[in-house]
């Protein structure tokens, strides 16, 4: 009888040991699940959020978490041109062309022909092709620009500072470089911070005459000042909305009569209509453009 009890005890120990080995064996058939490899980087999430993972780095559970601070979290950049850096997603444009534009102007030059030497980045293979405005980011020295066009630049700086502070502009929303046309309207105006300063973003259209708001001429722009007050950052990106005509030639002649009879009423209504559109209904989406703006870093 004692031998039978000993035999049963021995068999129970063997079965228990086998059960433990089966449950802990890595990659076993019974109850095994696929696990994500540590340190793997998702290309999709990198492009959409700008977050860059660091493979092979793990947190120490015994180390207390960092204390929160009021300092902003630096945003990743992947494109650099002179003092300008920013994060460009491939869904907006495939590449960027970096240029240092020489100063222009002199006696008899028009304001739009006058500017200091500056950094210019042109986005290539942009989401929208064949538009009136090119997708560009420019950075100007405010002191150098004001030395050439003191009345215009100083007024624009004052207006932009007022807008950033929650006030209003003296007239049209300030835009540099100077454009050889008139600002017809503005919509979706918002205050935005980039990594080196603050400014305003909005949708607008320029023309030399009263014309319908249309997708060929429409663009988003951001106008910002660095925190030290030394640089003006300008972003101009074509944008469209499905509710608008494709170009100036689409509307009937009737609409031109409506515009000419009361242009203020027409452009005010256009601004109201676009203000009521959801940010995801624009192409590109407004969030894509604000993400680009917020990633901008100026390092003189």
Protein backbone atom coordinates (compact mmCIF):
# COMPACT_ATOMS: atom_id res chain seq x y z
CA UNK A 1 0.00 0.00 0.00
CA UNK A 2 2.81 2.41 0.88
CA UNK A 3 4.45 1.63 -2.47
CA UNK A 4 1.21 2.57 -4.32
CA UNK A 5 1.01 5.93 -2.46
CA UNK A 6 4.64 6.64 -3.31
CA UNK A 7 4.04 5.81 -6.97
CA UNK A 8 0.97 8.10 -7.17
CA UNK A 9 2.94 10.94 -5.53
CA UNK A 10 5.78 10.55 -8.01
CA UNK A 11 3.39 10.64 -11.00
CA UNK A 12 1.68 13.79 -9.66
CA UNK A 13 5.03 15.59 -9.39
CA UNK A 14 5.94 14.66 -12.97
CA UNK A 15 2.59 15.88 -14.32
CA UNK A 16 2.90 19.17 -12.39
CA UNK A 17 6.38 19.74 -13.77
CA UNK A 18 5.17 19.12 -17.34
CA UNK A 19 2.31 21.60 -16.87
CA UNK A 20 4.69 24.34 -15.70
CA UNK A 21 7.05 23.81 -18.65
CA UNK A 22 4.20 23.92 -21.16
CA UNK A 23 2.85 27.28 -19.89
CA UNK A 24 6.23 29.02 -19.76
CA UNK A 25 7.84 27.74 -22.95
CA UNK A 26 8.37 30.68 -25.32
CA UNK A 27 6.61 30.21 -28.64
CA UNK A 28 4.80 27.04 -27.48
CA UNK A 29 1.72 25.94 -29.36
CA UNK A 30 -0.53 25.91 -26.31
CA UNK A 31 -1.88 29.41 -25.55
CA UNK A 32 0.98 31.23 -27.37
CA UNK A 33 0.36 34.79 -28.71
CA UNK A 34 2.31 37.02 -31.04
CA UNK A 35 3.96 39.93 -29.24
CA UNK A 36 5.20 43.21 -30.69
CA UNK A 37 8.95 43.44 -30.94
CA UNK A 38 10.36 46.11 -28.63
CA UNK A 39 11.81 49.13 -30.34
CA UNK A 40 9.98 48.66 -33.66
CA UNK A 41 9.17 51.96 -35.41
CA UNK A 42 5.93 52.45 -37.30
CA UNK A 43 6.49 54.48 -40.46
CA UNK A 44 2.85 55.56 -40.58
CA UNK A 45 2.80 56.89 -37.03
CA UNK A 46 6.16 58.63 -37.56
CA UNK A 47 4.87 60.54 -40.56
CA UNK A 48 1.56 61.55 -39.02
CA UNK A 49 2.70 62.59 -35.57
CA UNK A 50 6.37 63.42 -36.01
CA UNK A 51 7.25 61.21 -33.05
CA UNK A 52 10.52 59.30 -33.40
CA UNK A 53 10.94 56.17 -31.29
CA UNK A 54 14.32 55.14 -29.90
CA UNK A 55 14.78 51.36 -30.26
CA UNK A 56 16.29 49.43 -27.42
CA UNK A 57 15.61 52.00 -24.70
CA UNK A 58 13.32 50.84 -21.90
CA UNK A 59 12.13 52.53 -18.75
CA UNK A 60 13.57 51.59 -15.37
CA UNK A 61 10.61 50.65 -13.13
CA UNK A 62 12.65 51.50 -10.01
CA UNK A 63 13.35 55.05 -11.20
CA UNK A 64 10.69 57.67 -10.30
CA UNK A 65 9.04 59.44 -13.27
CA UNK A 66 10.30 62.86 -14.31
CA UNK A 67 8.56 65.74 -12.61
CA UNK A 68 6.26 67.74 -14.93
CA UNK A 69 7.55 71.12 -16.07
CA UNK A 70 6.06 74.09 -17.91
CA UNK A 71 8.65 73.86 -20.69
CA UNK A 72 7.14 72.93 -24.09
CA UNK A 73 8.05 69.53 -25.46
CA UNK A 74 10.37 69.97 -28.48
CA UNK A 75 8.87 68.75 -31.75
CA UNK A 76 10.78 66.62 -34.20
CA UNK A 77 12.12 68.14 -37.43
CA UNK A 78 13.28 66.32 -40.56
CA UNK A 79 13.94 69.19 -43.01
CA UNK A 80 16.55 71.93 -42.56
CA UNK A 81 17.45 74.99 -44.62
CA UNK A 82 19.85 77.56 -43.14
CA UNK A 83 18.29 78.74 -39.86
CA UNK A 84 14.94 77.05 -40.62
CA UNK A 85 13.94 73.51 -39.59
CA UNK A 86 10.52 71.83 -39.69
CA UNK A 87 8.79 68.45 -40.02
CA UNK A 88 7.50 67.62 -43.51
CA UNK A 89 5.07 64.71 -43.95
CA UNK A 90 5.14 62.88 -47.28
CA UNK A 91 1.35 63.16 -47.60
CA UNK A 92 1.77 66.92 -48.04
CA UNK A 93 4.88 67.04 -50.25
CA UNK A 94 7.62 64.63 -51.25
CA UNK A 95 10.62 66.94 -50.85
CA UNK A 96 11.76 70.51 -50.29
CA UNK A 97 14.07 72.85 -52.19
CA UNK A 98 16.29 75.11 -50.07
CA UNK A 99 17.40 78.52 -51.38
CA UNK A 100 19.08 81.67 -50.11
CA UNK A 101 17.40 84.49 -52.03
CA UNK A 102 19.59 87.58 -52.59
CA UNK A 103 18.32 91.02 -51.67
CA UNK A 104 16.26 92.92 -54.24
CA UNK A 105 15.10 96.52 -54.59
CA UNK A 106 16.57 99.92 -55.10
CA UNK A 107 15.45 103.17 -56.66
CA UNK A 108 12.14 102.80 -58.48
CA UNK A 109 11.46 99.25 -57.27
CA UNK A 110 7.90 98.37 -56.26
CA UNK A 111 7.23 97.05 -52.72
CA UNK A 112 6.66 93.50 -53.98
CA UNK A 113 10.02 93.71 -55.74
CA UNK A 114 11.82 94.83 -52.58
CA UNK A 115 13.07 92.42 -49.91
CA UNK A 116 16.27 91.54 -48.05
CA UNK A 117 18.35 88.42 -48.46
CA UNK A 118 16.32 85.59 -46.94
CA UNK A 119 15.79 81.85 -46.64
CA UNK A 120 13.18 80.28 -48.90
CA UNK A 121 11.97 76.66 -48.94
CA UNK A 122 9.73 75.48 -51.77
CA UNK A 123 7.85 72.21 -51.29
CA UNK A 124 8.10 69.95 -54.33
CA UNK A 125 5.49 67.41 -55.50
CA UNK A 126 2.99 69.24 -53.31
CA UNK A 127 -0.47 67.73 -52.77
CA UNK A 128 -2.05 70.39 -55.01
CA UNK A 129 -0.47 71.24 -58.36
CA UNK A 130 -0.87 74.16 -60.76
CA UNK A 131 -2.16 76.76 -58.31
CA UNK A 132 -1.71 80.51 -58.29
CA UNK A 133 0.50 80.43 -55.19
CA UNK A 134 3.52 78.21 -54.69
CA UNK A 135 3.92 76.20 -51.45
CA UNK A 136 6.75 78.11 -49.74
CA UNK A 137 8.18 78.92 -46.33
CA UNK A 138 10.29 82.07 -46.00
CA UNK A 139 12.25 83.56 -43.12
CA UNK A 140 13.16 87.28 -43.07
CA UNK A 141 15.31 89.39 -40.79
CA UNK A 142 12.85 92.03 -39.57
CA UNK A 143 15.59 94.64 -39.17
CA UNK A 144 16.83 94.08 -42.72
CA UNK A 145 13.31 94.15 -44.19
CA UNK A 146 12.33 97.28 -42.24
CA UNK A 147 15.46 99.06 -43.49
CA UNK A 148 14.14 98.64 -47.05
CA UNK A 149 10.40 99.19 -46.48
CA UNK A 150 10.09 100.89 -43.08
CA UNK A 151 6.45 102.03 -43.35
CA UNK A 152 5.07 98.70 -44.58
CA UNK A 153 7.15 96.33 -42.45
CA UNK A 154 6.89 98.29 -39.20
CA UNK A 155 3.11 98.53 -39.63
CA UNK A 156 2.87 94.78 -40.32
CA UNK A 157 4.97 93.98 -37.25
CA UNK A 158 2.76 96.20 -35.07
CA UNK A 159 -0.41 94.60 -36.47
CA UNK A 160 0.90 91.08 -35.97
CA UNK A 161 2.00 91.84 -32.41
CA UNK A 162 -1.48 93.21 -31.70
CA UNK A 163 -3.14 90.10 -33.12
CA UNK A 164 -0.88 87.78 -31.13
CA UNK A 165 -1.81 89.76 -28.02
CA UNK A 166 -5.53 89.30 -28.69
CA UNK A 167 -6.15 92.63 -30.41
CA UNK A 168 -7.04 93.53 -33.99
CA UNK A 169 -5.13 94.67 -37.06
CA UNK A 170 -5.41 98.14 -38.49
CA UNK A 171 -6.61 96.81 -41.86
CA UNK A 172 -5.95 93.62 -43.77
CA UNK A 173 -4.24 90.81 -41.92
CA UNK A 174 -0.46 91.31 -42.24
CA UNK A 175 1.35 89.20 -44.86
CA UNK A 176 5.00 89.23 -45.90
CA UNK A 177 6.53 89.14 -48.43
CA UNK A 178 4.52 91.96 -49.97
CA UNK A 179 2.19 90.58 -52.66
CA UNK A 180 1.34 92.45 -55.85
CA UNK A 181 -2.42 92.19 -55.26
CA UNK A 182 -5.13 92.92 -52.71
CA UNK A 183 -6.33 90.69 -49.86
CA UNK A 184 -9.95 89.89 -50.70
CA UNK A 185 -11.00 88.21 -47.46
CA UNK A 186 -9.80 86.01 -44.60
CA UNK A 187 -11.33 82.94 -42.91
CA UNK A 188 -10.48 80.26 -40.33
CA UNK A 189 -8.20 82.71 -38.53
CA UNK A 190 -6.43 81.20 -35.54
CA UNK A 191 -3.53 81.95 -33.21
CA UNK A 192 -0.73 79.39 -33.52
CA UNK A 193 2.59 78.92 -31.80
CA UNK A 194 5.64 77.49 -33.53
CA UNK A 195 8.71 76.26 -31.67
CA UNK A 196 10.39 79.67 -31.80
CA UNK A 197 7.50 82.11 -31.55
CA UNK A 198 3.85 82.93 -32.26
CA UNK A 199 1.62 84.15 -35.06
CA UNK A 200 -1.67 83.76 -36.90
CA UNK A 201 -2.85 81.28 -39.51
CA UNK A 202 -5.73 81.92 -41.90
CA UNK A 203 -7.18 81.18 -45.32
CA UNK A 204 -7.23 83.98 -47.87
CA UNK A 205 -7.15 84.93 -51.54
CA UNK A 206 -5.42 87.79 -53.33
CA UNK A 207 -6.33 89.41 -56.64
CA UNK A 208 -5.93 92.67 -58.53
CA UNK A 209 -9.68 92.90 -59.13
CA UNK A 210 -12.92 91.64 -57.63
CA UNK A 211 -13.08 87.95 -58.53
CA UNK A 212 -14.95 84.94 -57.11
CA UNK A 213 -13.35 82.93 -54.32
CA UNK A 214 -12.06 79.78 -56.01
CA UNK A 215 -9.80 76.78 -55.47
CA UNK A 216 -7.13 77.86 -57.94
CA UNK A 217 -6.33 81.08 -56.07
CA UNK A 218 -7.16 80.12 -52.47
CA UNK A 219 -4.31 79.54 -50.00
CA UNK A 220 -3.54 79.06 -46.32
CA UNK A 221 -0.94 81.32 -44.79
CA UNK A 222 0.85 81.60 -41.49
CA UNK A 223 2.56 84.80 -40.42
CA UNK A 224 4.68 84.60 -37.28
CA UNK A 225 7.30 86.40 -35.21
CA UNK A 226 10.11 84.73 -33.33
CA UNK A 227 10.04 85.27 -29.57
CA UNK A 228 13.15 87.45 -29.75
CA UNK A 229 11.48 89.73 -32.31
CA UNK A 230 14.26 89.28 -34.86
CA UNK A 231 12.66 87.10 -37.55
CA UNK A 232 9.41 87.00 -39.53
CA UNK A 233 8.25 83.53 -40.60
CA UNK A 234 5.88 83.26 -43.56
CA UNK A 235 4.14 80.07 -44.69
CA UNK A 236 2.03 80.00 -47.87
CA UNK A 237 0.30 76.74 -48.86
CA UNK A 238 -2.41 76.29 -51.53
CA UNK A 239 -5.66 74.89 -50.14
CA UNK A 240 -9.05 73.93 -51.59
CA UNK A 241 -12.59 73.21 -50.47
CA UNK A 242 -15.17 71.16 -52.42
CA UNK A 243 -17.82 73.86 -51.99
CA UNK A 244 -15.84 76.34 -54.14
CA UNK A 245 -15.47 76.73 -57.89
CA UNK A 246 -12.34 75.26 -59.44
CA UNK A 247 -11.13 78.57 -60.86
CA UNK A 248 -12.21 82.04 -61.88
CA UNK A 249 -13.57 80.79 -65.22
CA UNK A 250 -16.18 78.44 -63.73
CA UNK A 251 -18.71 80.94 -62.38
CA UNK A 252 -21.33 82.48 -64.62
CA UNK A 253 -21.18 86.15 -65.50
CA UNK A 254 -24.01 86.72 -63.03
CA UNK A 255 -21.73 86.23 -60.01
CA UNK A 256 -19.35 88.93 -61.25
CA UNK A 257 -22.27 91.35 -61.28
CA UNK A 258 -23.18 90.36 -57.71
CA UNK A 259 -19.59 90.90 -56.58
CA UNK A 260 -19.19 94.26 -58.28
CA UNK A 261 -22.54 95.51 -56.91
CA UNK A 262 -21.54 94.79 -53.29
CA UNK A 263 -18.05 93.28 -52.93
CA UNK A 264 -17.95 93.68 -49.13
CA UNK A 265 -21.15 91.67 -48.74
CA UNK A 266 -19.95 88.93 -51.11
CA UNK A 267 -16.55 88.44 -49.47
CA UNK A 268 -18.03 88.63 -45.98
CA UNK A 269 -20.45 85.86 -46.88
CA UNK A 270 -17.64 83.76 -48.35
CA UNK A 271 -15.68 84.14 -45.13
CA UNK A 272 -18.70 83.09 -43.07
CA UNK A 273 -19.28 80.06 -45.28
CA UNK A 274 -15.68 78.86 -44.98
CA UNK A 275 -15.61 79.56 -41.24
CA UNK A 276 -18.51 77.12 -40.90
CA UNK A 277 -16.69 74.33 -42.74
CA UNK A 278 -15.06 71.57 -40.74
CA UNK A 279 -11.24 71.63 -40.69
CA UNK A 280 -11.10 68.09 -42.13
CA UNK A 281 -13.12 69.10 -45.21
CA UNK A 282 -10.29 71.20 -46.64
CA UNK A 283 -7.54 69.79 -48.87
CA UNK A 284 -5.02 69.55 -47.36
CA UNK A 285 -6.69 69.25 -43.97
CA UNK A 286 -6.08 72.25 -41.75
CA UNK A 287 -4.55 69.99 -39.09
CA UNK A 288 -1.85 68.93 -41.56
CA UNK A 289 -0.89 72.56 -42.15
CA UNK A 290 -1.01 73.56 -38.49
CA UNK A 291 1.18 70.56 -37.62
CA UNK A 292 3.73 71.84 -40.14
CA UNK A 293 3.59 75.34 -38.65
CA UNK A 294 3.93 74.13 -35.06
CA UNK A 295 7.06 72.13 -35.94
CA UNK A 296 8.96 75.18 -37.29
CA UNK A 297 12.18 75.92 -35.44
CA UNK A 298 14.41 78.95 -36.07
CA UNK A 299 18.04 78.62 -35.01
CA UNK A 300 20.07 81.67 -36.13
